[in-house]
Protein backbone atom coordinates (compact mmCIF):
# COMPACT_ATOMS: atom_id res chain seq x y z
CA MET A 1 -19.11 13.74 15.73
CA ILE A 2 -16.04 12.23 14.08
CA VAL A 3 -13.49 10.28 16.13
CA ARG A 4 -9.93 9.63 14.99
CA LYS A 5 -7.78 6.64 15.91
CA ARG A 6 -4.14 6.02 14.94
CA CYS A 7 -2.96 2.47 14.28
CA PRO A 8 0.21 1.95 16.35
CA HIS A 9 1.60 -0.54 13.81
CA THR A 10 1.05 1.25 10.48
CA GLY A 11 0.65 4.89 11.53
CA VAL A 12 -2.55 5.22 9.49
CA VAL A 13 -5.12 7.53 11.09
CA ASN A 14 -8.68 6.26 10.62
CA PHE A 15 -11.77 8.41 11.16
CA TYR A 16 -15.09 7.09 12.46
CA PHE A 17 -18.52 8.48 13.28
CA ASP A 18 -19.05 8.11 17.03
CA SER A 19 -22.29 6.24 16.33
CA GLU A 20 -20.38 3.51 14.40
CA PRO A 21 -16.92 3.09 15.99
CA TYR A 22 -15.87 0.04 13.93
CA LEU A 23 -16.59 1.24 10.38
CA PRO A 24 -14.07 3.84 9.17
CA VAL A 25 -15.35 6.68 7.00
CA GLY A 26 -11.91 7.98 6.04
CA SER A 27 -8.17 7.72 6.57
CA VAL A 28 -4.93 9.68 6.34
CA SER A 29 -1.62 7.92 5.69
CA LEU A 30 1.98 8.88 5.01
CA CYS A 31 3.23 8.15 1.50
CA GLY A 32 6.90 8.09 0.57
CA THR A 33 9.97 7.19 2.54
CA SER A 34 12.26 10.20 2.18
CA ALA A 35 11.61 13.46 3.97
CA GLN A 36 11.79 15.44 0.72
CA ASN A 37 9.38 13.27 -1.26
CA SER A 38 6.90 12.28 1.44
CA SER A 39 3.33 13.47 1.45
CA TYR A 40 0.06 12.46 3.06
CA THR A 41 -2.80 10.77 1.23
CA TRP A 42 -6.34 11.12 2.49
CA ARG A 43 -9.26 8.93 1.47
CA SER A 44 -12.96 9.30 2.15
CA TYR A 45 -15.03 6.11 2.25
CA GLY A 46 -18.78 6.13 1.69
CA ASP A 47 -19.18 8.89 -0.90
CA ASP A 48 -21.74 6.83 -2.80
CA PHE A 49 -24.33 9.55 -2.21
CA ASP A 50 -22.57 12.30 -4.15
CA ALA A 51 -20.71 11.27 -7.30
CA ASP A 52 -19.19 14.76 -7.65
CA ALA A 53 -17.67 14.75 -4.16
CA LEU A 54 -13.91 14.61 -3.83
CA THR A 55 -13.01 11.24 -2.30
CA ALA A 56 -9.20 11.28 -2.15
CA GLY A 57 -6.23 13.57 -2.41
CA ARG A 58 -2.68 14.38 -1.37
CA ALA A 59 -1.26 17.06 0.87
CA ARG A 60 2.22 18.10 1.99
CA ASP A 61 1.43 17.82 5.72
CA ALA A 62 -0.86 15.76 7.95
CA ARG A 63 -2.86 18.74 9.19
CA THR A 64 -3.86 19.80 5.67
CA ALA A 65 -4.69 16.22 4.70
CA GLU A 66 -6.90 15.85 7.77
CA ARG A 67 -8.65 19.16 7.07
CA ASN A 68 -9.33 18.11 3.45
CA LEU A 69 -10.71 14.78 4.60
CA LEU A 70 -13.00 16.39 7.17
CA ASP A 71 -14.26 18.83 4.54
CA SER A 72 -15.00 15.87 2.27
CA LEU A 73 -16.81 14.03 5.08
CA ALA A 74 -18.85 17.07 6.06
CA HIS A 75 -21.44 16.41 3.37
CA LEU A 76 -22.11 12.91 4.78
CA THR A 77 -23.65 14.43 7.88
CA ARG A 78 -25.97 16.56 5.75
CA VAL A 79 -27.31 13.78 3.49
CA PRO A 80 -31.13 13.71 3.61
CA GLU A 81 -32.71 10.56 5.06
CA ALA A 82 -34.39 9.81 1.70
CA ALA A 83 -30.98 9.41 0.09
CA LEU A 84 -29.99 6.82 2.69
CA ALA A 85 -32.96 4.54 1.98
CA ILE A 86 -32.15 1.39 0.06
């Protein structure tokens, strides 16, 4: 399960797995200062397992950015245990 927390100071929304609440696996932040030119940037952290996975992007609204991030993170929950071994 993925938990989201918004920083009250920066407005950045960080996403965490509930099993590791202090290590973010992704974030969504507002970019731009004017209403016409602003967009949201999403970033996925921890995509070392799949080099072809999309790890960042931009969207016009926060809901789309969050959906894109969650789609990107979905493959992390399906990574086989053998791939996680160091």
